[in-house]
Each structure stands twice: as structure tokens, then as C-alpha cells.
C-alpha atoms as a PDB file:
ATOM      1  CA  UNK A   1      -0.025  -0.096   0.156  1.00  0.00           C
ATOM      2  CA  UNK A   2       1.364   3.449  -1.131  1.00  0.00           C
ATOM      3  CA  UNK A   3       2.004   6.022   1.569  1.00  0.00           C
ATOM      4  CA  UNK A   4      -0.759   8.338  -0.542  1.00  0.00           C
ATOM      5  CA  UNK A   5      -3.021   5.552  -0.292  1.00  0.00           C
ATOM      6  CA  UNK A   6      -2.523   4.742   3.292  1.00  0.00           C
ATOM      7  CA  UNK A   7      -2.949   8.555   4.249  1.00  0.00           C
ATOM      8  CA  UNK A   8      -6.290   8.579   2.362  1.00  0.00           C
ATOM      9  CA  UNK A   9      -7.794   5.618   3.925  1.00  0.00           C
ATOM     10  CA  UNK A  10      -6.592   6.962   7.125  1.00  0.00           C
ATOM     11  CA  UNK A  11      -8.437  10.295   6.691  1.00  0.00           C
ATOM     12  CA  UNK A  12     -11.276   8.516   5.332  1.00  0.00           C
ATOM     13  CA  UNK A  13     -11.284   6.226   8.709  1.00  0.00           C
ATOM     14  CA  UNK A  14     -10.619   9.369  10.764  1.00  0.00           C
ATOM     15  CA  UNK A  15     -13.916  11.069   9.334  1.00  0.00           C
ATOM     16  CA  UNK A  16     -16.000   7.794   9.757  1.00  0.00           C
ATOM     17  CA  UNK A  17     -14.627   7.681  13.441  1.00  0.00           C
ATOM     18  CA  UNK A  18     -15.813  11.256  13.953  1.00  0.00           C
ATOM     19  CA  UNK A  19     -12.571  12.833  14.405  1.00  0.00           C
ATOM     20  CA  UNK A  20     -12.894  16.328  14.093  1.00  0.00           C
ATOM     21  CA  UNK A  21      -9.569  17.391  14.023  1.00  0.00           C
ATOM     22  CA  UNK A  22      -8.252  18.681  10.360  1.00  0.00           C
ATOM     23  CA  UNK A  23      -5.332  16.904   9.149  1.00  0.00           C
ATOM     24  CA  UNK A  24      -2.364  19.169   7.333  1.00  0.00           C
ATOM     25  CA  UNK A  25      -0.427  17.897   4.715  1.00  0.00           C
ATOM     26  CA  UNK A  26       2.800  19.205   3.335  1.00  0.00           C
ATOM     27  CA  UNK A  27       4.352  17.987   0.089  1.00  0.00           C
ATOM     28  CA  UNK A  28       7.667  19.009  -1.643  1.00  0.00           C
ATOM     29  CA  UNK A  29       7.476  18.735  -5.445  1.00  0.00           C
ATOM     30  CA  UNK A  30       9.818  18.865  -8.314  1.00  0.00           C
ATOM     31  CA  UNK A  31       9.365  19.491 -12.089  1.00  0.00           C
ATOM     32  CA  UNK A  32      11.749  18.246 -14.655  1.00  0.00           C
ATOM     33  CA  UNK A  33      11.524  19.668 -17.746  1.00  0.00           C
ATOM     34  CA  UNK A  34      11.637  17.307 -20.633  1.00  0.00           C
ATOM     35  CA  UNK A  35      11.009  19.077 -23.760  1.00  0.00           C
ATOM     36  CA  UNK A  36      11.714  22.754 -24.843  1.00  0.00           C
ATOM     37  CA  UNK A  37      14.784  25.198 -24.716  1.00  0.00           C
ATOM     38  CA  UNK A  38      14.758  24.337 -20.563  1.00  0.00           C
ATOM     39  CA  UNK A  39      15.542  20.502 -21.137  1.00  0.00           C
ATOM     40  CA  UNK A  40      17.051  19.089 -18.158  1.00  0.00           C
ATOM     41  CA  UNK A  41      16.454  21.753 -15.746  1.00  0.00           C
ATOM     42  CA  UNK A  42      14.547  21.090 -12.683  1.00  0.00           C
ATOM     43  CA  UNK A  43      12.625  23.469 -10.232  1.00  0.00           C
ATOM     44  CA  UNK A  44      11.035  23.109  -6.878  1.00  0.00           C
ATOM     45  CA  UNK A  45       7.996  24.101  -4.872  1.00  0.00           C
ATOM     46  CA  UNK A  46       6.353  23.115  -1.268  1.00  0.00           C
ATOM     47  CA  UNK A  47       2.402  23.047  -0.342  1.00  0.00           C
ATOM     48  CA  UNK A  48       0.158  22.515   2.085  1.00  0.00           C
ATOM     49  CA  UNK A  49      -3.374  21.559   2.342  1.00  0.00           C
ATOM     50  CA  UNK A  50      -5.581  20.453   5.278  1.00  0.00           C
ATOM     51  CA  UNK A  51      -8.198  17.673   5.073  1.00  0.00           C
ATOM     52  CA  UNK A  52     -11.289  18.879   6.677  1.00  0.00           C
ATOM     53  CA  UNK A  53     -13.934  16.247   5.547  1.00  0.00           C
ATOM     54  CA  UNK A  54     -14.221  13.056   4.369  1.00  0.00           C
ATOM     55  CA  UNK A  55     -14.421  11.996   0.814  1.00  0.00           C
ATOM     56  CA  UNK A  56     -14.315  14.514  -2.288  1.00  0.00           C
ATOM     57  CA  UNK A  57     -11.942  14.754  -5.023  1.00  0.00           C
ATOM     58  CA  UNK A  58     -10.354  17.926  -4.275  1.00  0.00           C
ATOM     59  CA  UNK A  59      -9.136  20.223  -1.799  1.00  0.00           C
ATOM     60  CA  UNK A  60      -7.790  24.251  -1.820  1.00  0.00           C
ATOM     61  CA  UNK A  61      -4.540  24.757  -1.055  1.00  0.00           C
ATOM     62  CA  UNK A  62      -3.537  26.096   2.270  1.00  0.00           C
ATOM     63  CA  UNK A  63      -0.298  27.818   0.660  1.00  0.00           C
ATOM     64  CA  UNK A  64       1.911  27.185  -2.300  1.00  0.00           C
ATOM     65  CA  UNK A  65       5.494  28.256  -3.310  1.00  0.00           C
ATOM     66  CA  UNK A  66       7.228  27.453  -6.419  1.00  0.00           C
ATOM     67  CA  UNK A  67      10.564  28.900  -7.937  1.00  0.00           C
ATOM     68  CA  UNK A  68      10.515  28.616 -12.044  1.00  0.00           C
ATOM     69  CA  UNK A  69      12.682  30.513 -14.413  1.00  0.00           C
ATOM     70  CA  UNK A  70      14.263  32.613 -11.767  1.00  0.00           C
ATOM     71  CA  UNK A  71      10.907  33.857 -10.708  1.00  0.00           C
ATOM     72  CA  UNK A  72       9.034  33.193  -7.552  1.00  0.00           C
ATOM     73  CA  UNK A  73       5.180  32.295  -7.379  1.00  0.00           C
ATOM     74  CA  UNK A  74       2.773  31.695  -4.770  1.00  0.00           C
ATOM     75  CA  UNK A  75      -0.806  30.430  -4.778  1.00  0.00           C
ATOM     76  CA  UNK A  76      -2.340  33.817  -5.246  1.00  0.00           C
ATOM     77  CA  UNK A  77      -0.516  33.495  -8.669  1.00  0.00           C
ATOM     78  CA  UNK A  78      -3.157  30.941  -9.683  1.00  0.00           C
ATOM     79  CA  UNK A  79      -5.537  32.379 -12.388  1.00  0.00           C
ATOM     80  CA  UNK A  80      -8.895  31.002 -10.246  1.00  0.00           C
ATOM     81  CA  UNK A  81      -7.203  32.028  -7.028  1.00  0.00           C
ATOM     82  CA  UNK A  82      -9.017  31.896  -4.520  1.00  0.00           C
ATOM     83  CA  UNK A  83     -10.554  28.920  -5.677  1.00  0.00           C
ATOM     84  CA  UNK A  84      -7.159  27.034  -6.810  1.00  0.00           C
ATOM     85  CA  UNK A  85      -4.532  25.698  -6.526  1.00  0.00           C
ATOM     86  CA  UNK A  86      -5.869  22.269  -5.442  1.00  0.00           C
ATOM     87  CA  UNK A  87      -4.592  18.974  -4.358  1.00  0.00           C
ATOM     88  CA  UNK A  88      -6.363  16.382  -6.512  1.00  0.00           C
ATOM     89  CA  UNK A  89      -7.469  13.087  -5.049  1.00  0.00           C
ATOM     90  CA  UNK A  90      -9.048  10.223  -7.016  1.00  0.00           C
ATOM     91  CA  UNK A  91     -11.886   8.441  -5.493  1.00  0.00           C
ATOM     92  CA  UNK A  92     -11.273  10.836  -2.803  1.00  0.00           C
ATOM     93  CA  UNK A  93      -8.325   8.901  -1.297  1.00  0.00           C
ATOM     94  CA  UNK A  94      -5.477   8.639  -3.663  1.00  0.00           C
ATOM     95  CA  UNK A  95      -3.426  11.737  -4.041  1.00  0.00           C
ATOM     96  CA  UNK A  96      -2.917  12.601  -7.530  1.00  0.00           C
ATOM     97  CA  UNK A  97      -1.187  15.804  -7.615  1.00  0.00           C
ATOM     98  CA  UNK A  98      -2.102  19.615  -7.933  1.00  0.00           C
ATOM     99  CA  UNK A  99      -3.638  21.493 -10.439  1.00  0.00           C
ATOM    100  CA  UNK A 100      -1.967  25.165 -10.782  1.00  0.00           C
ATOM    101  CA  UNK A 101      -2.146  27.485 -13.655  1.00  0.00           C
ATOM    102  CA  UNK A 102      -0.111  30.727 -13.920  1.00  0.00           C
ATOM    103  CA  UNK A 103      -0.333  33.350 -16.765  1.00  0.00           C
ATOM    104  CA  UNK A 104       1.708  36.205 -15.617  1.00  0.00           C
ATOM    105  CA  UNK A 105       1.888  39.186 -18.072  1.00  0.00           C
ATOM    106  CA  UNK A 106       4.964  40.493 -17.614  1.00  0.00           C
ATOM    107  CA  UNK A 107       6.613  39.245 -14.419  1.00  0.00           C
ATOM    108  CA  UNK A 108       9.101  41.514 -12.408  1.00  0.00           C
ATOM    109  CA  UNK A 109      11.865  40.572 -14.460  1.00  0.00           C
ATOM    110  CA  UNK A 110       9.695  41.506 -17.766  1.00  0.00           C
ATOM    111  CA  UNK A 111       9.068  37.842 -18.528  1.00  0.00           C
ATOM    112  CA  UNK A 112       5.920  36.928 -20.319  1.00  0.00           C
ATOM    113  CA  UNK A 113       4.905  33.918 -19.161  1.00  0.00           C
ATOM    114  CA  UNK A 114       2.358  31.132 -18.775  1.00  0.00           C
ATOM    115  CA  UNK A 115       2.852  27.377 -17.105  1.00  0.00           C
ATOM    116  CA  UNK A 116       0.859  25.045 -15.482  1.00  0.00           C
ATOM    117  CA  UNK A 117       1.153  22.048 -13.159  1.00  0.00           C
ATOM    118  CA  UNK A 118      -1.916  19.164 -13.933  1.00  0.00           C
ATOM    119  CA  UNK A 119      -1.267  16.160 -11.367  1.00  0.00           C
ATOM    120  CA  UNK A 120       2.117  15.175 -12.674  1.00  0.00           C
ATOM    121  CA  UNK A 121       2.467  17.032 -15.843  1.00  0.00           C
ATOM    122  CA  UNK A 122       3.660  20.322 -16.423  1.00  0.00           C
ATOM    123  CA  UNK A 123       3.523  22.850 -19.286  1.00  0.00           C
ATOM    124  CA  UNK A 124       5.179  26.156 -20.115  1.00  0.00           C
ATOM    125  CA  UNK A 125       5.306  28.800 -22.521  1.00  0.00           C
ATOM    126  CA  UNK A 126       7.519  31.757 -22.396  1.00  0.00           C
ATOM    127  CA  UNK A 127       7.406  33.691 -25.378  1.00  0.00           C
ATOM    128  CA  UNK A 128       9.346  36.896 -25.068  1.00  0.00           C
ATOM    129  CA  UNK A 129      11.731  38.827 -22.428  1.00  0.00           C
ATOM    130  CA  UNK A 130      10.663  42.737 -22.919  1.00  0.00           C
ATOM    131  CA  UNK A 131      11.280  42.938 -26.628  1.00  0.00           C
ATOM    132  CA  UNK A 132      13.513  40.052 -26.845  1.00  0.00           C
ATOM    133  CA  UNK A 133      11.762  36.838 -28.032  1.00  0.00           C
ATOM    134  CA  UNK A 134      12.514  33.575 -26.573  1.00  0.00           C
ATOM    135  CA  UNK A 135      11.368  30.126 -28.368  1.00  0.00           C
ATOM    136  CA  UNK A 136      10.086  29.055 -25.012  1.00  0.00           C
ATOM    137  CA  UNK A 137       7.550  25.977 -24.910  1.00  0.00           C
ATOM    138  CA  UNK A 138       8.035  22.749 -23.505  1.00  0.00           C
ATOM    139  CA  UNK A 139       6.599  20.060 -21.024  1.00  0.00           C
ATOM    140  CA  UNK A 140       7.964  18.275 -17.712  1.00  0.00           C
ATOM    141  CA  UNK A 141       7.213  15.720 -15.165  1.00  0.00           C
ATOM    142  CA  UNK A 142       6.110  16.454 -11.540  1.00  0.00           C
ATOM    143  CA  UNK A 143       6.905  14.216  -8.867  1.00  0.00           C
ATOM    144  CA  UNK A 144       5.413  14.931  -5.171  1.00  0.00           C
ATOM    145  CA  UNK A 145       7.259  14.042  -1.659  1.00  0.00           C
ATOM    146  CA  UNK A 146       5.174  13.949   1.437  1.00  0.00           C
ATOM    147  CA  UNK A 147       6.904  15.965   4.118  1.00  0.00           C
ATOM    148  CA  UNK A 148       6.721  14.116   7.669  1.00  0.00           C
ATOM    149  CA  UNK A 149       4.785  16.017  10.040  1.00  0.00           C
ATOM    150  CA  UNK A 150       2.996  14.728  13.528  1.00  0.00           C
ATOM    151  CA  UNK A 151      -0.342  15.150  11.886  1.00  0.00           C
ATOM    152  CA  UNK A 152       0.745  12.662   8.778  1.00  0.00           C
ATOM    153  CA  UNK A 153       2.612  10.298  11.020  1.00  0.00           C
ATOM    154  CA  UNK A 154      -0.379   9.877  13.106  1.00  0.00           C
ATOM    155  CA  UNK A 155      -3.176   9.569  10.466  1.00  0.00           C
ATOM    156  CA  UNK A 156      -0.599   7.219   8.312  1.00  0.00           C
ATOM    157  CA  UNK A 157      -0.307   4.693  12.114  1.00  0.00           C
ATOM    158  CA  UNK A 158      -4.055   4.823  12.257  1.00  0.00           C
ATOM    159  CA  UNK A 159      -4.151   3.587   8.423  1.00  0.00           C
ATOM    160  CA  UNK A 160      -1.450   0.810   9.008  1.00  0.00           C
ATOM    161  CA  UNK A 161      -3.250  -0.452  12.199  1.00  0.00           C
ATOM    162  CA  UNK A 162      -6.875  -0.663  10.379  1.00  0.00           C
ATOM    163  CA  UNK A 163      -5.276  -2.457   7.506  1.00  0.00           C
ATOM    164  CA  UNK A 164      -3.569  -5.122   9.706  1.00  0.00           C
ATOM    165  CA  UNK A 165      -6.797  -5.423  11.255  1.00  0.00           C
ATOM    166  CA  UNK A 166      -8.336  -6.084   8.150  1.00  0.00           C
ATOM    167  CA  UNK A 167      -5.686  -8.590   7.074  1.00  0.00           C
ATOM    168  CA  UNK A 168      -6.205 -10.716  10.478  1.00  0.00           C
ATOM    169  CA  UNK A 169     -10.159 -10.743  10.387  1.00  0.00           C
END
């Protein structure tokens, strides 16, 4: 059972047991560019979301930071903020990734750029820097790493116990 699945199951169990406490999850993520003029580059970010209800397929992030192409971005840069960015789940329990779209014209350095993260996929378009054209579009892959926090460890422990009990039955 993957850690993402364990955490999702634990969150569902906590909700079913009537646990009123919300669970907060912290993730690091990395974007590896696979096509375009940035091929081979990697960029990092971090986000947090709070699981407050049982079930559901997506949750608005509490906060997000992302460093891309020399610029800093936050959750407030999403084109649909405050409803986005969101953590996305399959069937309410398996973490799939985040949905995050930025269309910033221009950035503080004079860049015109657009990028998006859709679960494990990334795309970018950087057509200009001031008056200088940049042939800049491409794609990449996104990987996520859960950062252990006391709440996440407790929830994972609950899920492992429940899983062990089911196997014995």
C-alpha cells in the first residue's frame, strides 16, 4: 500500500470515526523539464493542504510556493485564486497531484510567461523577455514527496493499524 493510499484511507477512517480534527499535509514537489529550451532543468516548490472533510476529490491548498525560471510564485498567482490551486484525489483517497495555472504578464523581470501543473504533468510557454523573443515552450514531469509531520504520521499510523486488523479478520 503506497503512502498516498495509506494517508487517504486514514483520513477516511478518521472521518468515519467522527474525528473532528483536520489533518494537514505538507508536500515538496519537483518539476523536471523534458522538452523545449529548458530541457534538463529542475524546479522546486512546496505546498500544504488541510483535509477537513471526509471524501471529496479536491481540496484548496492552504499555501504554495514555486521557483520557476528565476521567478517566485505563490498560490495567489493562480489564475483562479482563491478557488485554486487544488490538491486532487482519485475517488477521494488517492493523491494525484495539484492543479495550478499561472499566466503572468509581465513578471517583475519583464518576462511574459504561462505555465501549468496538472497532477504529474507540467507545461510552460515563455514567448518574450521584454522586447527579446525567446522560443520557449515545453513540457515536464512533476514528482511529489510527502514531508513527514506529526499529523501525517499519526494518520498514517491509524491507516496501518486498520489495514493490519482487516488482514487478520
